[in-house]
Amino acid sequence: MPGQYTVPQFIDVEDKILGPLTTRQFVIILGTFGVDFLLYRLLQFGFFLLIGLPVFLAGITLAFARVNGQPFHFFLLNLIQTYRRPDVRVWNKELSEAELRMLISRPPPPAPPVKVRKEALTTSKLSELSLVVNTGGVYRPED
């Protein structure tokens, strides 16, 4: 008997390093606070609020938001990739009048062949068959 192996489960769950925060979330939050601190030190308070608040909201969104069960940064990467190089192309062809006339004038396809159906067995036919089987072929219904 082959040995039993443990199958890894929950491989898409990230490790928590600081309370409920994952490594990715911690790094994003740390970077967001770092950028906001630099903006606070370099800009006047009014400009800091004007620029720092959207940076803070973007960092929180990147760290915690999920779209269709995936982290937000995967959504952003997929969105950018779709706009840069759209691989899926949908062809919505409108038929011209000449093409429509050609389709209308085409002869209809031949009808499928009629399927031959066997007759349903009646009780007398079933009893005759069972008699033939039970007698080992000695009984012949034609006789």
Protein backbone atom coordinates (compact mmCIF):
# COMPACT_ATOMS: atom_id res chain seq x y z
CA MET A 1 0.00 0.00 0.00
CA PRO A 2 1.50 3.37 -0.98
CA GLY A 3 2.27 5.87 1.76
CA GLN A 4 -0.15 8.62 2.56
CA TYR A 5 0.84 12.15 1.68
CA THR A 6 -0.57 15.37 3.02
CA VAL A 7 -2.04 17.61 0.36
CA PRO A 8 -1.35 21.31 0.90
CA GLN A 9 -4.52 23.27 1.47
CA PHE A 10 -5.29 26.98 1.53
CA ILE A 11 -2.28 27.80 -0.63
CA ASP A 12 -3.82 31.10 -1.69
CA VAL A 13 -3.98 32.42 1.90
CA GLU A 14 -1.15 34.81 2.71
CA ASP A 15 0.76 34.54 5.98
CA LYS A 16 -0.16 37.01 8.70
CA ILE A 17 2.87 38.76 10.18
CA LEU A 18 1.53 41.60 12.27
CA GLY A 19 -1.90 40.93 13.73
CA PRO A 20 -4.38 40.60 10.87
CA LEU A 21 -1.97 42.18 8.33
CA THR A 22 -0.21 40.16 5.68
CA THR A 23 3.29 40.98 4.47
CA ARG A 24 1.94 42.65 1.34
CA GLN A 25 -0.53 44.78 3.28
CA PHE A 26 2.13 45.79 5.80
CA VAL A 27 4.57 46.89 3.09
CA ILE A 28 1.87 48.86 1.24
CA ILE A 29 0.72 50.61 4.44
CA LEU A 30 4.36 51.34 5.41
CA GLY A 31 5.04 52.83 1.97
CA THR A 32 1.85 54.88 2.07
CA PHE A 33 2.71 56.36 5.46
CA GLY A 34 6.26 57.04 4.25
CA VAL A 35 5.04 58.95 1.20
CA ASP A 36 2.49 60.83 3.29
CA PHE A 37 5.19 61.74 5.84
CA LEU A 38 7.41 63.10 3.07
CA LEU A 39 4.49 65.11 1.66
CA TYR A 40 3.76 66.48 5.15
CA ARG A 41 7.37 67.59 5.61
CA LEU A 42 7.76 69.07 2.10
CA LEU A 43 4.39 70.75 1.45
CA GLN A 44 2.25 73.28 3.22
CA PHE A 45 -0.63 71.82 5.18
CA GLY A 46 -3.30 72.75 2.60
CA PHE A 47 -1.37 71.15 -0.26
CA PHE A 48 -0.56 68.19 1.96
CA LEU A 49 -4.28 67.55 2.52
CA LEU A 50 -4.96 67.99 -1.19
CA ILE A 51 -2.31 65.46 -2.26
CA GLY A 52 -1.80 63.32 0.87
CA LEU A 53 -5.43 62.25 1.32
CA PRO A 54 -5.74 60.68 -2.18
CA VAL A 55 -2.36 58.95 -1.65
CA PHE A 56 -3.59 57.59 1.69
CA LEU A 57 -6.88 56.38 0.16
CA ALA A 58 -5.03 54.75 -2.74
CA GLY A 59 -2.72 52.94 -0.31
CA ILE A 60 -5.61 51.68 1.82
CA THR A 61 -7.43 50.53 -1.33
CA LEU A 62 -4.36 48.68 -2.61
CA ALA A 63 -3.80 47.03 0.75
CA PHE A 64 -7.32 45.93 1.69
CA ALA A 65 -9.72 46.05 -1.28
CA ARG A 66 -10.62 42.90 -3.20
CA VAL A 67 -12.24 42.60 -6.62
CA ASN A 68 -13.83 39.25 -7.48
CA GLY A 69 -11.98 37.62 -4.58
CA GLN A 70 -8.55 38.79 -5.77
CA PRO A 71 -6.41 41.52 -4.25
CA PHE A 72 -6.86 44.94 -5.83
CA HIS A 73 -3.33 45.07 -7.26
CA PHE A 74 -4.08 41.98 -9.41
CA PHE A 75 -7.15 43.80 -10.71
CA LEU A 76 -5.04 46.85 -11.56
CA LEU A 77 -2.37 44.77 -13.28
CA ASN A 78 -5.00 42.95 -15.35
CA LEU A 79 -6.66 46.25 -16.25
CA ILE A 80 -3.37 47.78 -17.39
CA GLN A 81 -2.46 44.67 -19.37
CA THR A 82 -5.86 44.66 -21.07
CA TYR A 83 -5.52 48.28 -22.14
CA ARG A 84 -1.91 47.90 -23.31
CA ARG A 85 -2.35 44.67 -25.25
CA PRO A 86 -5.94 43.48 -25.68
CA ASP A 87 -5.73 39.82 -26.72
CA VAL A 88 -9.43 39.11 -26.80
CA ARG A 89 -11.05 40.61 -29.83
CA VAL A 90 -14.77 40.39 -30.44
CA TRP A 91 -15.89 40.48 -34.03
CA ASN A 92 -19.32 41.97 -34.39
CA LYS A 93 -19.83 41.65 -38.12
CA GLU A 94 -22.89 43.18 -39.67
CA LEU A 95 -24.06 41.26 -42.74
CA SER A 96 -24.36 43.23 -45.95
CA GLU A 97 -27.46 43.10 -48.13
CA ALA A 98 -25.71 40.92 -50.73
CA GLU A 99 -24.66 38.42 -48.06
CA LEU A 100 -28.20 38.27 -46.70
CA ARG A 101 -29.63 37.60 -50.18
CA MET A 102 -27.07 34.84 -50.73
CA LEU A 103 -28.06 33.21 -47.43
CA ILE A 104 -31.76 33.43 -48.30
CA SER A 105 -31.32 32.01 -51.82
CA ARG A 106 -29.32 29.03 -50.61
CA PRO A 107 -31.33 25.77 -50.94
CA PRO A 108 -32.41 24.21 -47.66
CA PRO A 109 -30.30 21.29 -46.42
CA PRO A 110 -31.66 17.81 -47.10
CA ALA A 111 -33.94 16.36 -44.47
CA PRO A 112 -32.34 13.85 -42.12
CA PRO A 113 -33.17 10.21 -42.82
CA VAL A 114 -36.19 8.81 -41.03
CA LYS A 115 -35.27 6.58 -38.13
CA VAL A 116 -36.83 3.15 -38.14
CA ARG A 117 -38.41 2.33 -34.85
CA LYS A 118 -38.97 -1.17 -33.57
CA GLU A 119 -42.40 -2.17 -32.42
CA ALA A 120 -42.95 -2.27 -28.70
CA LEU A 121 -43.18 -5.76 -27.29
CA THR A 122 -46.63 -6.84 -26.25
CA THR A 123 -47.34 -9.13 -23.33
CA SER A 124 -48.08 -12.11 -25.61
CA LYS A 125 -44.78 -11.58 -27.45
CA LEU A 126 -42.92 -11.32 -24.12
CA SER A 127 -44.51 -14.50 -22.84
CA GLU A 128 -43.53 -16.33 -26.05
CA LEU A 129 -39.93 -15.11 -25.72
CA SER A 130 -39.74 -16.17 -22.08
CA LEU A 131 -41.10 -19.58 -23.02
CA VAL A 132 -38.42 -19.97 -25.70
CA VAL A 133 -35.70 -19.01 -23.23
CA ASN A 134 -37.04 -21.25 -20.48
CA THR A 135 -37.32 -24.30 -22.73
CA GLY A 136 -33.83 -23.78 -24.10
CA GLY A 137 -35.08 -23.23 -27.66
CA VAL A 138 -37.19 -26.40 -27.83
CA TYR A 139 -40.43 -24.43 -28.06
CA ARG A 140 -40.86 -22.76 -31.44
CA PRO A 141 -43.63 -20.14 -31.66
CA GLU A 142 -43.88 -20.53 -35.47
CA ASP A 143 -45.12 -24.09 -35.14
